PDB file of N, CA and C in Angstrom:
ATOM      1  N   MET A   1     -20.144  15.248 -52.730  1.00  0.00           N
ATOM      2  CA  MET A   1     -19.607  15.646 -51.479  1.00  0.00           C
ATOM      3  C   MET A   1     -18.952  14.344 -50.994  1.00  0.00           C
ATOM      4  N   SER A   2     -17.687  14.607 -50.430  1.00  0.00           N
ATOM      5  CA  SER A   2     -16.797  13.578 -50.080  1.00  0.00           C
ATOM      6  C   SER A   2     -17.163  13.098 -48.625  1.00  0.00           C
ATOM      7  N   GLN A   3     -16.945  11.897 -48.327  1.00  0.00           N
ATOM      8  CA  GLN A   3     -17.149  11.397 -47.017  1.00  0.00           C
ATOM      9  C   GLN A   3     -15.847  11.312 -46.284  1.00  0.00           C
ATOM     10  N   LYS A   4     -15.883  11.458 -45.082  1.00  0.00           N
ATOM     11  CA  LYS A   4     -14.675  11.239 -44.285  1.00  0.00           C
ATOM     12  C   LYS A   4     -14.597   9.972 -43.834  1.00  0.00           C
ATOM     13  N   HIS A   5     -13.562   9.213 -43.970  1.00  0.00           N
ATOM     14  CA  HIS A   5     -13.245   7.935 -43.452  1.00  0.00           C
ATOM     15  C   HIS A   5     -12.544   7.869 -42.265  1.00  0.00           C
ATOM     16  N   PHE A   6     -12.913   7.185 -41.278  1.00  0.00           N
ATOM     17  CA  PHE A   6     -12.437   7.127 -40.065  1.00  0.00           C
ATOM     18  C   PHE A   6     -11.954   5.705 -39.868  1.00  0.00           C
ATOM     19  N   SER A   7     -10.873   5.425 -38.961  1.00  0.00           N
ATOM     20  CA  SER A   7     -10.485   4.195 -38.631  1.00  0.00           C
ATOM     21  C   SER A   7     -11.325   3.488 -37.638  1.00  0.00           C
ATOM     22  N   SER A   8     -11.022   2.216 -37.305  1.00  0.00           N
ATOM     23  CA  SER A   8     -12.000   1.817 -36.240  1.00  0.00           C
ATOM     24  C   SER A   8     -11.653   2.263 -34.921  1.00  0.00           C
ATOM     25  N   ASP A   9     -10.700   3.247 -34.859  1.00  0.00           N
ATOM     26  CA  ASP A   9     -10.328   3.916 -33.472  1.00  0.00           C
ATOM     27  C   ASP A   9     -11.203   4.981 -33.279  1.00  0.00           C
ATOM     28  N   ASN A  10     -12.202   5.313 -34.199  1.00  0.00           N
ATOM     29  CA  ASN A  10     -13.076   6.406 -33.918  1.00  0.00           C
ATOM     30  C   ASN A  10     -14.359   5.974 -32.992  1.00  0.00           C
ATOM     31  N   GLU A  11     -13.796   5.639 -31.719  1.00  0.00           N
ATOM     32  CA  GLU A  11     -14.757   5.171 -30.698  1.00  0.00           C
ATOM     33  C   GLU A  11     -14.459   6.007 -29.504  1.00  0.00           C
ATOM     34  N   ARG A  12     -15.036   5.717 -28.415  1.00  0.00           N
ATOM     35  CA  ARG A  12     -14.919   6.431 -27.107  1.00  0.00           C
ATOM     36  C   ARG A  12     -13.436   6.308 -26.824  1.00  0.00           C
ATOM     37  N   LEU A  13     -12.830   7.570 -26.424  1.00  0.00           N
ATOM     38  CA  LEU A  13     -11.481   7.512 -25.840  1.00  0.00           C
ATOM     39  C   LEU A  13     -11.378   6.956 -24.476  1.00  0.00           C
ATOM     40  N   HIS A  14     -10.295   6.336 -24.319  1.00  0.00           N
ATOM     41  CA  HIS A  14     -10.008   5.792 -22.938  1.00  0.00           C
ATOM     42  C   HIS A  14      -9.120   6.693 -22.202  1.00  0.00           C
ATOM     43  N   SER A  15      -8.794   6.488 -20.933  1.00  0.00           N
ATOM     44  CA  SER A  15      -7.904   7.277 -20.303  1.00  0.00           C
ATOM     45  C   SER A  15      -6.596   7.560 -20.743  1.00  0.00           C
ATOM     46  N   ASP A  16      -5.998   6.443 -21.298  1.00  0.00           N
ATOM     47  CA  ASP A  16      -4.662   6.536 -21.795  1.00  0.00           C
ATOM     48  C   ASP A  16      -4.615   7.456 -23.118  1.00  0.00           C
ATOM     49  N   ASP A  17      -5.860   7.194 -23.892  1.00  0.00           N
ATOM     50  CA  ASP A  17      -5.960   7.946 -25.078  1.00  0.00           C
ATOM     51  C   ASP A  17      -6.089   9.471 -24.841  1.00  0.00           C
ATOM     52  N   LEU A  18      -6.800   9.838 -23.723  1.00  0.00           N
ATOM     53  CA  LEU A  18      -7.089  11.165 -23.222  1.00  0.00           C
ATOM     54  C   LEU A  18      -5.705  11.837 -22.945  1.00  0.00           C
ATOM     55  N   ARG A  19      -5.022  10.977 -21.985  1.00  0.00           N
ATOM     56  CA  ARG A  19      -3.664  11.495 -21.429  1.00  0.00           C
ATOM     57  C   ARG A  19      -2.613  11.763 -22.730  1.00  0.00           C
ATOM     58  N   ILE A  20      -2.682  10.884 -23.653  1.00  0.00           N
ATOM     59  CA  ILE A  20      -1.830  11.462 -24.856  1.00  0.00           C
ATOM     60  C   ILE A  20      -2.200  12.683 -25.473  1.00  0.00           C
ATOM     61  N   CYS A  21      -3.570  12.860 -25.727  1.00  0.00           N
ATOM     62  CA  CYS A  21      -3.956  13.977 -26.486  1.00  0.00           C
ATOM     63  C   CYS A  21      -3.696  15.267 -25.462  1.00  0.00           C
ATOM     64  N   HIS A  22      -3.877  15.070 -24.251  1.00  0.00           N
ATOM     65  CA  HIS A  22      -3.703  16.133 -23.318  1.00  0.00           C
ATOM     66  C   HIS A  22      -2.229  16.598 -23.165  1.00  0.00           C
ATOM     67  N   ASN A  23      -1.363  15.607 -23.386  1.00  0.00           N
ATOM     68  CA  ASN A  23       0.061  15.860 -23.476  1.00  0.00           C
ATOM     69  C   ASN A  23       0.465  16.722 -24.688  1.00  0.00           C
ATOM     70  N   VAL A  24      -0.090  16.274 -25.730  1.00  0.00           N
ATOM     71  CA  VAL A  24       0.042  17.000 -26.884  1.00  0.00           C
ATOM     72  C   VAL A  24      -0.449  18.449 -26.776  1.00  0.00           C
ATOM     73  N   LEU A  25      -1.600  18.603 -26.373  1.00  0.00           N
ATOM     74  CA  LEU A  25      -2.261  19.910 -26.272  1.00  0.00           C
ATOM     75  C   LEU A  25      -1.441  20.755 -25.260  1.00  0.00           C
ATOM     76  N   ASP A  26      -0.992  20.263 -24.126  1.00  0.00           N
ATOM     77  CA  ASP A  26      -0.168  21.004 -23.274  1.00  0.00           C
ATOM     78  C   ASP A  26       1.000  21.481 -23.815  1.00  0.00           C
ATOM     79  N   ALA A  27       1.820  20.574 -24.524  1.00  0.00           N
ATOM     80  CA  ALA A  27       3.170  20.862 -25.202  1.00  0.00           C
ATOM     81  C   ALA A  27       2.720  22.106 -26.102  1.00  0.00           C
ATOM     82  N   ILE A  28       1.843  22.079 -27.106  1.00  0.00           N
ATOM     83  CA  ILE A  28       1.592  23.128 -28.079  1.00  0.00           C
ATOM     84  C   ILE A  28       1.255  24.443 -27.308  1.00  0.00           C
ATOM     85  N   CYS A  29       0.411  24.403 -26.272  1.00  0.00           N
ATOM     86  CA  CYS A  29       0.067  25.576 -25.676  1.00  0.00           C
ATOM     87  C   CYS A  29       1.254  26.181 -24.924  1.00  0.00           C
ATOM     88  N   ARG A  30       2.104  25.408 -24.333  1.00  0.00           N
ATOM     89  CA  ARG A  30       3.249  25.813 -23.725  1.00  0.00           C
ATOM     90  C   ARG A  30       4.155  26.569 -24.690  1.00  0.00           C
ATOM     91  N   ASP A  31       4.367  25.851 -25.749  1.00  0.00           N
ATOM     92  CA  ASP A  31       5.295  26.382 -26.714  1.00  0.00           C
ATOM     93  C   ASP A  31       4.830  27.578 -27.625  1.00  0.00           C
ATOM     94  N   ILE A  32       3.631  27.788 -27.649  1.00  0.00           N
ATOM     95  CA  ILE A  32       3.129  29.052 -28.352  1.00  0.00           C
ATOM     96  C   ILE A  32       2.582  30.051 -27.477  1.00  0.00           C
ATOM     97  N   GLY A  33       2.538  29.725 -26.168  1.00  0.00           N
ATOM     98  CA  GLY A  33       2.024  30.669 -25.127  1.00  0.00           C
ATOM     99  C   GLY A  33       0.482  30.909 -25.200  1.00  0.00           C
ATOM    100  N   ILE A  34      -0.239  29.666 -25.294  1.00  0.00           N
ATOM    101  CA  ILE A  34      -1.720  29.776 -25.187  1.00  0.00           C
ATOM    102  C   ILE A  34      -2.152  29.252 -23.882  1.00  0.00           C
ATOM    103  N   GLU A  35      -3.080  30.030 -23.333  1.00  0.00           N
ATOM    104  CA  GLU A  35      -3.529  29.794 -22.116  1.00  0.00           C
ATOM    105  C   GLU A  35      -4.496  28.531 -22.095  1.00  0.00           C
ATOM    106  N   PRO A  36      -4.167  27.515 -21.297  1.00  0.00           N
ATOM    107  CA  PRO A  36      -5.145  26.379 -21.250  1.00  0.00           C
ATOM    108  C   PRO A  36      -6.525  26.787 -20.941  1.00  0.00           C
ATOM    109  N   GLY A  37      -7.478  26.192 -21.662  1.00  0.00           N
ATOM    110  CA  GLY A  37      -8.841  26.493 -21.371  1.00  0.00           C
ATOM    111  C   GLY A  37      -9.356  27.672 -22.175  1.00  0.00           C
ATOM    112  N   SER A  38      -8.402  28.322 -23.062  1.00  0.00           N
ATOM    113  CA  SER A  38      -8.872  29.412 -23.879  1.00  0.00           C
ATOM    114  C   SER A  38      -9.526  28.840 -25.140  1.00  0.00           C
ATOM    115  N   GLU A  39     -10.268  29.630 -25.794  1.00  0.00           N
ATOM    116  CA  GLU A  39     -10.895  29.171 -26.944  1.00  0.00           C
ATOM    117  C   GLU A  39      -9.954  28.605 -27.935  1.00  0.00           C
ATOM    118  N   GLU A  40      -8.816  29.187 -28.182  1.00  0.00           N
ATOM    119  CA  GLU A  40      -7.811  28.758 -29.070  1.00  0.00           C
ATOM    120  C   GLU A  40      -7.161  27.233 -28.582  1.00  0.00           C
ATOM    121  N   ALA A  41      -7.200  27.125 -27.241  1.00  0.00           N
ATOM    122  CA  ALA A  41      -6.744  25.773 -26.737  1.00  0.00           C
ATOM    123  C   ALA A  41      -7.789  24.664 -26.923  1.00  0.00           C
ATOM    124  N   ASP A  42      -9.042  25.190 -27.000  1.00  0.00           N
ATOM    125  CA  ASP A  42     -10.006  24.287 -27.285  1.00  0.00           C
ATOM    126  C   ASP A  42     -10.064  23.887 -28.726  1.00  0.00           C
ATOM    127  N   ARG A  43      -9.674  24.723 -29.570  1.00  0.00           N
ATOM    128  CA  ARG A  43      -9.724  24.421 -31.109  1.00  0.00           C
ATOM    129  C   ARG A  43      -8.541  23.438 -31.307  1.00  0.00           C
ATOM    130  N   ILE A  44      -7.402  23.667 -30.678  1.00  0.00           N
ATOM    131  CA  ILE A  44      -6.305  22.779 -30.708  1.00  0.00           C
ATOM    132  C   ILE A  44      -6.507  21.307 -30.191  1.00  0.00           C
ATOM    133  N   ALA A  45      -7.375  21.285 -29.048  1.00  0.00           N
ATOM    134  CA  ALA A  45      -7.910  20.085 -28.622  1.00  0.00           C
ATOM    135  C   ALA A  45      -8.580  19.369 -29.480  1.00  0.00           C
ATOM    136  N   GLU A  46      -9.639  19.983 -30.225  1.00  0.00           N
ATOM    137  CA  GLU A  46     -10.426  19.251 -31.030  1.00  0.00           C
ATOM    138  C   GLU A  46      -9.703  18.782 -32.271  1.00  0.00           C
ATOM    139  N   ILE A  47      -8.783  19.474 -32.757  1.00  0.00           N
ATOM    140  CA  ILE A  47      -7.956  19.057 -33.854  1.00  0.00           C
ATOM    141  C   ILE A  47      -7.096  17.716 -33.431  1.00  0.00           C
ATOM    142  N   THR A  48      -6.473  17.786 -32.169  1.00  0.00           N
ATOM    143  CA  THR A  48      -5.552  16.647 -31.620  1.00  0.00           C
ATOM    144  C   THR A  48      -6.630  15.493 -31.547  1.00  0.00           C
ATOM    145  N   ILE A  49      -7.855  15.743 -30.937  1.00  0.00           N
ATOM    146  CA  ILE A  49      -8.700  14.384 -30.940  1.00  0.00           C
ATOM    147  C   ILE A  49      -9.165  13.828 -32.217  1.00  0.00           C
ATOM    148  N   ASP A  50      -9.396  14.827 -33.197  1.00  0.00           N
ATOM    149  CA  ASP A  50      -9.916  14.265 -34.412  1.00  0.00           C
ATOM    150  C   ASP A  50      -8.634  13.621 -35.141  1.00  0.00           C
ATOM    151  N   VAL A  51      -7.520  14.112 -35.077  1.00  0.00           N
ATOM    152  CA  VAL A  51      -6.325  13.330 -35.602  1.00  0.00           C
ATOM    153  C   VAL A  51      -5.969  12.102 -34.969  1.00  0.00           C
ATOM    154  N   TYR A  52      -6.179  12.029 -33.653  1.00  0.00           N
ATOM    155  CA  TYR A  52      -5.701  10.826 -32.915  1.00  0.00           C
ATOM    156  C   TYR A  52      -6.813   9.731 -33.285  1.00  0.00           C
ATOM    157  N   GLN A  53      -8.153  10.227 -33.300  1.00  0.00           N
ATOM    158  CA  GLN A  53      -9.190   9.220 -33.681  1.00  0.00           C
ATOM    159  C   GLN A  53      -9.052   8.609 -34.973  1.00  0.00           C
ATOM    160  N   GLN A  54      -8.215   9.307 -35.934  1.00  0.00           N
ATOM    161  CA  GLN A  54      -8.014   8.753 -37.190  1.00  0.00           C
ATOM    162  C   GLN A  54      -6.875   7.795 -37.368  1.00  0.00           C
ATOM    163  N   GLY A  55      -6.308   7.540 -36.190  1.00  0.00           N
ATOM    164  CA  GLY A  55      -5.152   6.624 -36.058  1.00  0.00           C
ATOM    165  C   GLY A  55      -3.756   7.127 -36.007  1.00  0.00           C
ATOM    166  N   VAL A  56      -3.552   8.420 -35.968  1.00  0.00           N
ATOM    167  CA  VAL A  56      -2.319   9.072 -35.989  1.00  0.00           C
ATOM    168  C   VAL A  56      -1.651   8.811 -34.490  1.00  0.00           C
ATOM    169  N   ARG A  57      -0.601   8.266 -34.475  1.00  0.00           N
ATOM    170  CA  ARG A  57      -0.015   8.142 -33.076  1.00  0.00           C
ATOM    171  C   ARG A  57       1.468   8.660 -33.030  1.00  0.00           C
ATOM    172  N   GLY A  58       2.140   8.781 -31.979  1.00  0.00           N
ATOM    173  CA  GLY A  58       3.432   9.022 -31.801  1.00  0.00           C
ATOM    174  C   GLY A  58       3.872  10.483 -32.118  1.00  0.00           C
ATOM    175  N   THR A  59       5.199  10.712 -32.529  1.00  0.00           N
ATOM    176  CA  THR A  59       5.464  11.951 -32.864  1.00  0.00           C
ATOM    177  C   THR A  59       4.700  12.643 -33.962  1.00  0.00           C
ATOM    178  N   GLN A  60       4.124  11.663 -34.982  1.00  0.00           N
ATOM    179  CA  GLN A  60       3.344  12.211 -36.089  1.00  0.00           C
ATOM    180  C   GLN A  60       2.185  12.964 -35.591  1.00  0.00           C
ATOM    181  N   LEU A  61       1.560  12.474 -34.390  1.00  0.00           N
ATOM    182  CA  LEU A  61       0.324  13.314 -33.903  1.00  0.00           C
ATOM    183  C   LEU A  61       0.663  14.771 -33.717  1.00  0.00           C
ATOM    184  N   ARG A  62       1.762  15.047 -33.030  1.00  0.00           N
ATOM    185  CA  ARG A  62       2.175  16.418 -32.804  1.00  0.00           C
ATOM    186  C   ARG A  62       2.414  17.128 -34.177  1.00  0.00           C
ATOM    187  N   HIS A  63       3.195  16.622 -35.006  1.00  0.00           N
ATOM    188  CA  HIS A  63       3.423  17.171 -36.269  1.00  0.00           C
ATOM    189  C   HIS A  63       2.243  17.403 -37.195  1.00  0.00           C
ATOM    190  N   ILE A  64       1.193  16.594 -37.151  1.00  0.00           N
ATOM    191  CA  ILE A  64       0.096  16.684 -38.017  1.00  0.00           C
ATOM    192  C   ILE A  64      -0.941  17.806 -37.371  1.00  0.00           C
ATOM    193  N   VAL A  65      -0.871  17.910 -36.074  1.00  0.00           N
ATOM    194  CA  VAL A  65      -1.599  18.948 -35.395  1.00  0.00           C
ATOM    195  C   VAL A  65      -1.037  20.361 -35.575  1.00  0.00           C
ATOM    196  N   ASP A  66       0.389  20.297 -35.471  1.00  0.00           N
ATOM    197  CA  ASP A  66       0.939  21.566 -35.844  1.00  0.00           C
ATOM    198  C   ASP A  66       0.628  21.981 -37.311  1.00  0.00           C
ATOM    199  N   ALA A  67       0.749  20.945 -38.268  1.00  0.00           N
ATOM    200  CA  ALA A  67       0.522  21.364 -39.630  1.00  0.00           C
ATOM    201  C   ALA A  67      -0.902  21.776 -39.752  1.00  0.00           C
ATOM    202  N   ALA A  68      -1.854  21.235 -39.149  1.00  0.00           N
ATOM    203  CA  ALA A  68      -3.326  21.442 -39.205  1.00  0.00           C
ATOM    204  C   ALA A  68      -3.633  23.015 -38.881  1.00  0.00           C
ATOM    205  N   ARG A  69      -2.735  23.452 -37.812  1.00  0.00           N
ATOM    206  CA  ARG A  69      -2.917  24.790 -37.339  1.00  0.00           C
ATOM    207  C   ARG A  69      -2.004  25.886 -38.075  1.00  0.00           C
ATOM    208  N   GLY A  70      -1.188  25.241 -38.937  1.00  0.00           N
ATOM    209  CA  GLY A  70      -0.358  26.139 -39.685  1.00  0.00           C
ATOM    210  C   GLY A  70       0.895  26.623 -38.830  1.00  0.00           C
ATOM    211  N   LEU A  71       1.267  25.759 -37.904  1.00  0.00           N
ATOM    212  CA  LEU A  71       2.368  26.142 -36.902  1.00  0.00           C
ATOM    213  C   LEU A  71       3.675  25.338 -37.534  1.00  0.00           C
ATOM    214  N   ASN A  72       4.641  25.991 -37.022  1.00  0.00           N
ATOM    215  CA  ASN A  72       6.012  25.363 -37.216  1.00  0.00           C
ATOM    216  C   ASN A  72       6.790  25.289 -35.946  1.00  0.00           C
ATOM    217  N   LEU A  73       6.417  24.594 -34.892  1.00  0.00           N
ATOM    218  CA  LEU A  73       7.142  24.684 -33.614  1.00  0.00           C
ATOM    219  C   LEU A  73       8.414  24.012 -33.530  1.00  0.00           C
ATOM    220  N   HIS A  74       8.704  23.208 -34.347  1.00  0.00           N
ATOM    221  CA  HIS A  74       9.944  22.336 -34.269  1.00  0.00           C
ATOM    222  C   HIS A  74      11.079  23.316 -34.958  1.00  0.00           C
ATOM    223  N   ARG A  75      11.894  23.720 -34.084  1.00  0.00           N
ATOM    224  CA  ARG A  75      12.890  24.670 -34.410  1.00  0.00           C
ATOM    225  C   ARG A  75      14.053  24.072 -35.232  1.00  0.00           C
ATOM    226  N   ASP A  76      13.745  23.527 -36.379  1.00  0.00           N
ATOM    227  CA  ASP A  76      14.708  23.137 -37.237  1.00  0.00           C
ATOM    228  C   ASP A  76      15.429  24.090 -38.168  1.00  0.00           C
ATOM    229  N   GLY A  77      14.939  25.372 -37.952  1.00  0.00           N
ATOM    230  CA  GLY A  77      15.474  26.475 -38.694  1.00  0.00           C
ATOM    231  C   GLY A  77      14.410  27.364 -39.106  1.00  0.00           C
ATOM    232  N   PRO A  78      14.727  28.353 -39.906  1.00  0.00           N
ATOM    233  CA  PRO A  78      13.750  29.439 -40.277  1.00  0.00           C
ATOM    234  C   PRO A  78      12.572  28.733 -41.180  1.00  0.00           C
ATOM    235  N   ARG A  79      11.403  29.307 -40.913  1.00  0.00           N
ATOM    236  CA  ARG A  79      10.328  28.852 -41.750  1.00  0.00           C
ATOM    237  C   ARG A  79      10.297  29.407 -43.188  1.00  0.00           C
ATOM    238  N   ALA A  80       9.939  28.673 -44.133  1.00  0.00           N
ATOM    239  CA  ALA A  80      10.238  29.354 -45.420  1.00  0.00           C
ATOM    240  C   ALA A  80       8.936  30.031 -45.918  1.00  0.00           C
TER     241      ALA A  80
END
């Protein structure tokens, strides 16, 4: 069984951390039409926080959350 390795950032989130995660969650929900507070939004929030706690920041946070959900929200062209 493999162990999950977390960075030292796997601690209590502070208000700035929560704001960043909330902004990512809001953007994803808005882009795909998910109601905030829904079960699906809660799942996206969990993924967002997990990825953030692993040290992912900036635009990569959104990209990795999208990928983890199997989404392609960045309109760079048709999805293959």
